[in-house]
Amino acid sequence: MIRPAANALAVALLGVVLAGLVAGHSEPETLRSLAKTYITMAPQELATPNVVTAILLNYRAFDTLGEVAVLFMVAAGIGLVLGGRGEPRDALPAREPEPTVASSEIVRSGAALLFPLISIFAAYIIMNGHLSAGGGFQGGAVLASGVMLLLLARPGYPLDVGFLSTTESLAGVLLVVTGLAGLIFAGGFLDSRVLPLGQFGSFFSAGAIPVLSVLLGIKVGCELSVIIDQFRR
């Protein structure tokens, strides 16, 4: 009796707090100084209409690099916990997961048909991240969702984890090398102006931002795919 009453009191207090926040909220009529600065500087300095991508891959690229490092550590931790007791992966006995209910031919064929389309859509999001909504993180997540769909429909599908890990590592190395090139030939580490800015709004523009977006998308997509593969074993 006491517990339901305490829960009801907690919910009521939370409702009062939320009601106060909603009542006191008002939409700002003008942009804050930092937002105005980014919106003004991104098209002029970086030749990109996507201010969000400009912030992620240039003005605050160190934060993005740190987020990628955190994702790498998560993937490494999951691989350490779920990857066996230290035996090489090739030495582990082959095991085909047996689903409780086997996927139908329609589901398997549908997943095989959708996976290339999802991959193309992910590539579009990554490659147009400097022009429209999207970018490396979003495209990589979409690519990994296609892998998850494929593995859900076909649990025994032989995903090449070694290739994914090598590709992810290579993308990470190239990301750092591009950042060092910005330090040497432009204004600082991960400065996208290491490449020509091109014409504003065109596909080949925004300096090294499209290159960084592609490398980031490959790295995120491969890391998330490896994590998904570890959980199905």
C-alpha atoms as a PDB file:
ATOM      1  CA  MET A   1       0.000   0.000   0.000  1.00  0.00           C
ATOM      2  CA  ILE A   2       2.882   2.310   0.873  1.00  0.00           C
ATOM      3  CA  ARG A   3       4.784   1.560  -2.327  1.00  0.00           C
ATOM      4  CA  PRO A   4       1.889   2.416  -4.717  1.00  0.00           C
ATOM      5  CA  ALA A   5       1.274   5.638  -2.807  1.00  0.00           C
ATOM      6  CA  ALA A   6       4.976   6.553  -2.986  1.00  0.00           C
ATOM      7  CA  ASN A   7       5.033   5.806  -6.719  1.00  0.00           C
ATOM      8  CA  ALA A   8       1.944   7.928  -7.275  1.00  0.00           C
ATOM      9  CA  LEU A   9       3.507  10.787  -5.309  1.00  0.00           C
ATOM     10  CA  ALA A  10       6.735  10.544  -7.333  1.00  0.00           C
ATOM     11  CA  VAL A  11       4.795  10.605 -10.606  1.00  0.00           C
ATOM     12  CA  ALA A  12       2.771  13.595  -9.419  1.00  0.00           C
ATOM     13  CA  LEU A  13       5.914  15.509  -8.435  1.00  0.00           C
ATOM     14  CA  LEU A  14       7.517  14.691 -11.766  1.00  0.00           C
ATOM     15  CA  GLY A  15       4.382  15.943 -13.517  1.00  0.00           C
ATOM     16  CA  VAL A  16       4.560  19.226 -11.575  1.00  0.00           C
ATOM     17  CA  VAL A  17       8.204  19.684 -12.573  1.00  0.00           C
ATOM     18  CA  LEU A  18       7.528  18.930 -16.251  1.00  0.00           C
ATOM     19  CA  ALA A  19       4.465  21.194 -16.249  1.00  0.00           C
ATOM     20  CA  GLY A  20       6.597  24.019 -14.889  1.00  0.00           C
ATOM     21  CA  LEU A  21       9.187  23.475 -17.603  1.00  0.00           C
ATOM     22  CA  VAL A  22       6.563  23.451 -20.346  1.00  0.00           C
ATOM     23  CA  ALA A  23       4.825  26.543 -18.982  1.00  0.00           C
ATOM     24  CA  GLY A  24       8.079  28.453 -18.728  1.00  0.00           C
ATOM     25  CA  HIS A  25       9.376  27.472 -22.170  1.00  0.00           C
ATOM     26  CA  SER A  26       9.413  30.015 -24.935  1.00  0.00           C
ATOM     27  CA  GLU A  27      10.905  29.698 -28.410  1.00  0.00           C
ATOM     28  CA  PRO A  28      13.873  32.035 -28.904  1.00  0.00           C
ATOM     29  CA  GLU A  29      13.144  34.636 -31.553  1.00  0.00           C
ATOM     30  CA  THR A  30      16.791  35.132 -32.500  1.00  0.00           C
ATOM     31  CA  LEU A  31      19.768  32.849 -32.849  1.00  0.00           C
ATOM     32  CA  ARG A  32      22.348  32.681 -30.130  1.00  0.00           C
ATOM     33  CA  SER A  33      25.708  34.263 -30.905  1.00  0.00           C
ATOM     34  CA  LEU A  34      27.497  30.891 -31.308  1.00  0.00           C
ATOM     35  CA  ALA A  35      24.838  29.521 -33.679  1.00  0.00           C
ATOM     36  CA  LYS A  36      24.897  32.747 -35.684  1.00  0.00           C
ATOM     37  CA  THR A  37      28.676  32.505 -35.941  1.00  0.00           C
ATOM     38  CA  TYR A  38      28.582  28.943 -37.251  1.00  0.00           C
ATOM     39  CA  ILE A  39      25.820  29.689 -39.758  1.00  0.00           C
ATOM     40  CA  THR A  40      27.749  32.678 -41.069  1.00  0.00           C
ATOM     41  CA  MET A  41      31.199  31.107 -41.125  1.00  0.00           C
ATOM     42  CA  ALA A  42      30.461  27.625 -42.551  1.00  0.00           C
ATOM     43  CA  PRO A  43      29.380  28.731 -46.066  1.00  0.00           C
ATOM     44  CA  GLN A  44      32.099  31.382 -46.299  1.00  0.00           C
ATOM     45  CA  GLU A  45      35.082  29.505 -44.875  1.00  0.00           C
ATOM     46  CA  LEU A  46      34.257  25.896 -45.797  1.00  0.00           C
ATOM     47  CA  ALA A  47      31.927  26.238 -48.813  1.00  0.00           C
ATOM     48  CA  THR A  48      29.370  23.822 -47.387  1.00  0.00           C
ATOM     49  CA  PRO A  49      25.636  24.471 -46.925  1.00  0.00           C
ATOM     50  CA  ASN A  50      25.395  21.787 -44.226  1.00  0.00           C
ATOM     51  CA  VAL A  51      26.422  23.621 -41.090  1.00  0.00           C
ATOM     52  CA  VAL A  52      26.038  20.516 -38.905  1.00  0.00           C
ATOM     53  CA  THR A  53      28.580  18.567 -40.949  1.00  0.00           C
ATOM     54  CA  ALA A  54      30.914  21.570 -40.936  1.00  0.00           C
ATOM     55  CA  ILE A  55      30.775  21.627 -37.145  1.00  0.00           C
ATOM     56  CA  LEU A  56      31.285  17.869 -36.770  1.00  0.00           C
ATOM     57  CA  LEU A  57      34.112  17.502 -39.283  1.00  0.00           C
ATOM     58  CA  ASN A  58      35.914  20.823 -38.993  1.00  0.00           C
ATOM     59  CA  TYR A  59      35.125  23.226 -36.156  1.00  0.00           C
ATOM     60  CA  ARG A  60      34.667  20.460 -33.561  1.00  0.00           C
ATOM     61  CA  ALA A  61      36.439  17.609 -35.345  1.00  0.00           C
ATOM     62  CA  PHE A  62      38.394  16.724 -32.204  1.00  0.00           C
ATOM     63  CA  ASP A  63      35.097  15.843 -30.529  1.00  0.00           C
ATOM     64  CA  THR A  64      34.152  13.656 -33.485  1.00  0.00           C
ATOM     65  CA  LEU A  65      37.523  11.913 -33.370  1.00  0.00           C
ATOM     66  CA  GLY A  66      36.975  11.261 -29.673  1.00  0.00           C
ATOM     67  CA  GLU A  67      33.518   9.820 -30.345  1.00  0.00           C
ATOM     68  CA  VAL A  68      34.999   7.486 -32.963  1.00  0.00           C
ATOM     69  CA  ALA A  69      37.645   6.404 -30.452  1.00  0.00           C
ATOM     70  CA  VAL A  70      34.931   5.660 -27.895  1.00  0.00           C
ATOM     71  CA  LEU A  71      33.049   3.581 -30.469  1.00  0.00           C
ATOM     72  CA  PHE A  72      36.255   1.683 -31.245  1.00  0.00           C
ATOM     73  CA  MET A  73      36.777   0.934 -27.556  1.00  0.00           C
ATOM     74  CA  VAL A  74      33.186  -0.292 -27.283  1.00  0.00           C
ATOM     75  CA  ALA A  75      33.708  -2.644 -30.232  1.00  0.00           C
ATOM     76  CA  ALA A  76      37.003  -3.882 -28.772  1.00  0.00           C
ATOM     77  CA  GLY A  77      35.396  -4.423 -25.368  1.00  0.00           C
ATOM     78  CA  ILE A  78      32.488  -6.372 -26.805  1.00  0.00           C
ATOM     79  CA  GLY A  79      34.905  -8.468 -28.859  1.00  0.00           C
ATOM     80  CA  LEU A  80      36.956  -9.174 -25.725  1.00  0.00           C
ATOM     81  CA  VAL A  81      33.913 -10.184 -23.683  1.00  0.00           C
ATOM     82  CA  LEU A  82      31.971 -12.111 -26.321  1.00  0.00           C
ATOM     83  CA  GLY A  83      34.808 -13.239 -28.592  1.00  0.00           C
ATOM     84  CA  GLY A  84      35.769 -16.351 -26.640  1.00  0.00           C
ATOM     85  CA  ARG A  85      38.543 -17.116 -24.142  1.00  0.00           C
ATOM     86  CA  GLY A  86      41.445 -15.884 -26.146  1.00  0.00           C
ATOM     87  CA  GLU A  87      41.407 -18.566 -28.833  1.00  0.00           C
ATOM     88  CA  PRO A  88      42.017 -17.353 -32.360  1.00  0.00           C
ATOM     89  CA  ARG A  89      38.761 -16.971 -34.215  1.00  0.00           C
ATOM     90  CA  ASP A  90      39.883 -19.470 -36.882  1.00  0.00           C
ATOM     91  CA  ALA A  91      40.544 -22.053 -34.179  1.00  0.00           C
ATOM     92  CA  LEU A  92      37.013 -21.898 -32.848  1.00  0.00           C
ATOM     93  CA  PRO A  93      34.742 -24.686 -34.043  1.00  0.00           C
ATOM     94  CA  ALA A  94      32.342 -23.652 -36.743  1.00  0.00           C
ATOM     95  CA  ARG A  95      28.896 -23.189 -35.303  1.00  0.00           C
ATOM     96  CA  GLU A  96      25.734 -22.447 -37.214  1.00  0.00           C
ATOM     97  CA  PRO A  97      23.215 -20.695 -34.989  1.00  0.00           C
ATOM     98  CA  GLU A  98      19.932 -22.505 -35.079  1.00  0.00           C
ATOM     99  CA  PRO A  99      16.993 -20.114 -35.018  1.00  0.00           C
ATOM    100  CA  THR A 100      13.952 -21.234 -33.101  1.00  0.00           C
ATOM    101  CA  VAL A 101      11.829 -20.640 -36.175  1.00  0.00           C
ATOM    102  CA  ALA A 102      13.650 -20.763 -39.503  1.00  0.00           C
ATOM    103  CA  SER A 103      13.212 -17.755 -41.730  1.00  0.00           C
ATOM    104  CA  SER A 104      11.018 -18.326 -44.725  1.00  0.00           C
ATOM    105  CA  GLU A 105      12.303 -18.098 -48.281  1.00  0.00           C
ATOM    106  CA  ILE A 106      10.389 -14.839 -48.684  1.00  0.00           C
ATOM    107  CA  VAL A 107      12.170 -13.263 -45.691  1.00  0.00           C
ATOM    108  CA  ARG A 108      15.609 -14.446 -46.852  1.00  0.00           C
ATOM    109  CA  SER A 109      15.020 -13.279 -50.413  1.00  0.00           C
ATOM    110  CA  GLY A 110      13.590  -9.970 -49.201  1.00  0.00           C
ATOM    111  CA  ALA A 111      16.619  -9.312 -47.008  1.00  0.00           C
ATOM    112  CA  ALA A 112      18.996 -10.216 -49.839  1.00  0.00           C
ATOM    113  CA  LEU A 113      17.111  -7.791 -52.094  1.00  0.00           C
ATOM    114  CA  LEU A 114      16.974  -4.962 -49.566  1.00  0.00           C
ATOM    115  CA  PHE A 115      20.608  -5.156 -48.425  1.00  0.00           C
ATOM    116  CA  PRO A 116      22.117  -3.704 -51.658  1.00  0.00           C
ATOM    117  CA  LEU A 117      19.473  -0.960 -51.685  1.00  0.00           C
ATOM    118  CA  ILE A 118      20.209  -0.077 -48.057  1.00  0.00           C
ATOM    119  CA  SER A 119      23.940  -0.022 -48.845  1.00  0.00           C
ATOM    120  CA  ILE A 120      23.374   2.360 -51.768  1.00  0.00           C
ATOM    121  CA  PHE A 121      21.237   4.598 -49.584  1.00  0.00           C
ATOM    122  CA  ALA A 122      23.967   4.605 -46.923  1.00  0.00           C
ATOM    123  CA  ALA A 123      26.550   5.570 -49.547  1.00  0.00           C
ATOM    124  CA  TYR A 124      24.281   8.410 -50.708  1.00  0.00           C
ATOM    125  CA  ILE A 125      23.915   9.722 -47.141  1.00  0.00           C
ATOM    126  CA  ILE A 126      27.662   9.585 -46.571  1.00  0.00           C
ATOM    127  CA  MET A 127      28.738  11.148 -49.880  1.00  0.00           C
ATOM    128  CA  ASN A 128      26.188  13.988 -49.715  1.00  0.00           C
ATOM    129  CA  GLY A 129      26.769  14.826 -46.073  1.00  0.00           C
ATOM    130  CA  HIS A 130      28.382  18.164 -46.976  1.00  0.00           C
ATOM    131  CA  LEU A 131      25.376  19.197 -49.111  1.00  0.00           C
ATOM    132  CA  SER A 132      22.301  17.895 -47.285  1.00  0.00           C
ATOM    133  CA  ALA A 133      21.235  16.175 -44.092  1.00  0.00           C
ATOM    134  CA  GLY A 134      23.413  13.158 -43.360  1.00  0.00           C
ATOM    135  CA  GLY A 135      27.097  12.377 -43.001  1.00  0.00           C
ATOM    136  CA  GLY A 136      29.472   9.658 -41.904  1.00  0.00           C
ATOM    137  CA  PHE A 137      27.859   8.723 -38.603  1.00  0.00           C
ATOM    138  CA  GLN A 138      24.358   8.529 -40.054  1.00  0.00           C
ATOM    139  CA  GLY A 139      25.393   6.651 -43.203  1.00  0.00           C
ATOM    140  CA  GLY A 140      27.517   4.198 -41.236  1.00  0.00           C
ATOM    141  CA  ALA A 141      24.587   3.445 -38.936  1.00  0.00           C
ATOM    142  CA  VAL A 142      22.311   2.851 -41.937  1.00  0.00           C
ATOM    143  CA  LEU A 143      24.896   0.501 -43.457  1.00  0.00           C
ATOM    144  CA  ALA A 144      25.120  -1.469 -40.204  1.00  0.00           C
ATOM    145  CA  SER A 145      21.315  -1.696 -40.061  1.00  0.00           C
ATOM    146  CA  GLY A 146      21.421  -3.435 -43.450  1.00  0.00           C
ATOM    147  CA  VAL A 147      23.945  -5.924 -42.087  1.00  0.00           C
ATOM    148  CA  MET A 148      21.721  -6.569 -39.088  1.00  0.00           C
ATOM    149  CA  LEU A 149      18.721  -7.166 -41.351  1.00  0.00           C
ATOM    150  CA  LEU A 150      20.745  -9.662 -43.379  1.00  0.00           C
ATOM    151  CA  LEU A 151      21.890 -11.526 -40.259  1.00  0.00           C
ATOM    152  CA  LEU A 152      18.393 -11.609 -38.786  1.00  0.00           C
ATOM    153  CA  ALA A 153      17.054 -13.206 -41.946  1.00  0.00           C
ATOM    154  CA  ARG A 154      20.044 -15.527 -42.348  1.00  0.00           C
ATOM    155  CA  PRO A 155      21.685 -16.156 -38.930  1.00  0.00           C
ATOM    156  CA  GLY A 156      24.326 -18.438 -40.444  1.00  0.00           C
ATOM    157  CA  TYR A 157      25.501 -15.905 -43.027  1.00  0.00           C
ATOM    158  CA  PRO A 158      29.351 -15.935 -43.028  1.00  0.00           C
ATOM    159  CA  LEU A 159      30.227 -12.314 -42.293  1.00  0.00           C
ATOM    160  CA  ASP A 160      33.910 -11.599 -43.002  1.00  0.00           C
ATOM    161  CA  VAL A 161      34.853 -10.014 -39.669  1.00  0.00           C
ATOM    162  CA  GLY A 162      38.559  -9.955 -40.539  1.00  0.00           C
ATOM    163  CA  PHE A 163      37.894  -7.863 -43.645  1.00  0.00           C
ATOM    164  CA  LEU A 164      35.625  -5.504 -41.713  1.00  0.00           C
ATOM    165  CA  SER A 165      38.203  -5.054 -38.950  1.00  0.00           C
ATOM    166  CA  THR A 166      40.993  -4.381 -41.445  1.00  0.00           C
ATOM    167  CA  THR A 167      38.841  -1.900 -43.380  1.00  0.00           C
ATOM    168  CA  GLU A 168      37.827  -0.139 -40.177  1.00  0.00           C
ATOM    169  CA  SER A 169      41.453   0.156 -39.055  1.00  0.00           C
ATOM    170  CA  LEU A 170      42.562   1.463 -42.462  1.00  0.00           C
ATOM    171  CA  ALA A 171      39.787   4.077 -42.438  1.00  0.00           C
ATOM    172  CA  GLY A 172      40.869   5.181 -38.969  1.00  0.00           C
ATOM    173  CA  VAL A 173      44.509   5.527 -40.040  1.00  0.00           C
ATOM    174  CA  LEU A 174      43.541   7.549 -43.128  1.00  0.00           C
ATOM    175  CA  LEU A 175      41.321   9.755 -40.959  1.00  0.00           C
ATOM    176  CA  VAL A 176      44.277  10.612 -38.726  1.00  0.00           C
ATOM    177  CA  VAL A 177      46.567  11.088 -41.760  1.00  0.00           C
ATOM    178  CA  THR A 178      44.058  13.531 -43.265  1.00  0.00           C
ATOM    179  CA  GLY A 179      43.981  15.353 -39.951  1.00  0.00           C
ATOM    180  CA  LEU A 180      47.783  15.596 -39.913  1.00  0.00           C
ATOM    181  CA  ALA A 181      47.722  16.912 -43.484  1.00  0.00           C
ATOM    182  CA  GLY A 182      45.472  19.709 -42.263  1.00  0.00           C
ATOM    183  CA  LEU A 183      47.979  20.447 -39.515  1.00  0.00           C
ATOM    184  CA  ILE A 184      50.814  20.729 -42.031  1.00  0.00           C
ATOM    185  CA  PHE A 185      49.161  22.321 -45.073  1.00  0.00           C
ATOM    186  CA  ALA A 186      46.196  24.205 -43.564  1.00  0.00           C
ATOM    187  CA  GLY A 187      45.282  25.872 -40.302  1.00  0.00           C
ATOM    188  CA  GLY A 188      45.351  22.926 -37.888  1.00  0.00           C
ATOM    189  CA  PHE A 189      44.627  19.275 -37.230  1.00  0.00           C
ATOM    190  CA  LEU A 190      41.596  18.052 -39.231  1.00  0.00           C
ATOM    191  CA  ASP A 191      41.306  21.408 -41.014  1.00  0.00           C
ATOM    192  CA  SER A 192      39.264  20.543 -44.102  1.00  0.00           C
ATOM    193  CA  ARG A 193      40.784  23.377 -46.121  1.00  0.00           C
ATOM    194  CA  VAL A 194      43.718  21.121 -46.915  1.00  0.00           C
ATOM    195  CA  LEU A 195      41.866  20.449 -50.208  1.00  0.00           C
ATOM    196  CA  PRO A 196      40.396  23.071 -52.578  1.00  0.00           C
ATOM    197  CA  LEU A 197      36.996  24.319 -51.425  1.00  0.00           C
ATOM    198  CA  GLY A 198      35.506  24.260 -54.929  1.00  0.00           C
ATOM    199  CA  GLN A 199      32.220  25.870 -55.860  1.00  0.00           C
ATOM    200  CA  PHE A 200      29.655  26.273 -53.105  1.00  0.00           C
ATOM    201  CA  GLY A 201      26.876  23.669 -53.379  1.00  0.00           C
ATOM    202  CA  SER A 202      28.609  21.415 -55.919  1.00  0.00           C
ATOM    203  CA  PHE A 203      29.410  17.752 -55.286  1.00  0.00           C
ATOM    204  CA  PHE A 204      33.174  18.302 -55.347  1.00  0.00           C
ATOM    205  CA  SER A 205      33.392  21.074 -52.795  1.00  0.00           C
ATOM    206  CA  ALA A 206      33.892  21.774 -49.079  1.00  0.00           C
ATOM    207  CA  GLY A 207      37.571  20.786 -49.086  1.00  0.00           C
ATOM    208  CA  ALA A 208      38.323  17.557 -47.249  1.00  0.00           C
ATOM    209  CA  ILE A 209      34.912  17.335 -45.555  1.00  0.00           C
ATOM    210  CA  PRO A 210      33.560  14.749 -48.075  1.00  0.00           C
ATOM    211  CA  VAL A 211      36.749  12.677 -47.645  1.00  0.00           C
ATOM    212  CA  LEU A 212      36.440  12.778 -43.863  1.00  0.00           C
ATOM    213  CA  SER A 213      32.746  11.900 -44.136  1.00  0.00           C
ATOM    214  CA  VAL A 214      33.476   8.838 -46.292  1.00  0.00           C
ATOM    215  CA  LEU A 215      36.223   7.612 -43.954  1.00  0.00           C
ATOM    216  CA  LEU A 216      33.993   8.184 -40.942  1.00  0.00           C
ATOM    217  CA  GLY A 217      31.086   6.338 -42.575  1.00  0.00           C
ATOM    218  CA  ILE A 218      33.273   3.341 -43.433  1.00  0.00           C
ATOM    219  CA  LYS A 219      34.700   3.223 -39.916  1.00  0.00           C
ATOM    220  CA  VAL A 220      31.332   3.511 -38.164  1.00  0.00           C
ATOM    221  CA  GLY A 221      29.642   1.022 -40.493  1.00  0.00           C
ATOM    222  CA  CYS A 222      32.376  -1.594 -40.052  1.00  0.00           C
ATOM    223  CA  GLU A 223      32.580  -1.157 -36.274  1.00  0.00           C
ATOM    224  CA  LEU A 224      28.823  -1.476 -35.770  1.00  0.00           C
ATOM    225  CA  SER A 225      28.704  -4.497 -38.099  1.00  0.00           C
ATOM    226  CA  VAL A 226      31.423  -6.231 -36.066  1.00  0.00           C
ATOM    227  CA  ILE A 227      29.504  -5.495 -32.857  1.00  0.00           C
ATOM    228  CA  ILE A 228      26.332  -6.993 -34.365  1.00  0.00           C
ATOM    229  CA  ASP A 229      28.276 -10.062 -35.456  1.00  0.00           C
ATOM    230  CA  GLN A 230      29.668 -10.554 -31.940  1.00  0.00           C
ATOM    231  CA  PHE A 231      26.179 -10.575 -30.434  1.00  0.00           C
ATOM    232  CA  ARG A 232      24.868 -13.279 -32.769  1.00  0.00           C
ATOM    233  CA  ARG A 233      27.559 -15.775 -31.730  1.00  0.00           C
END
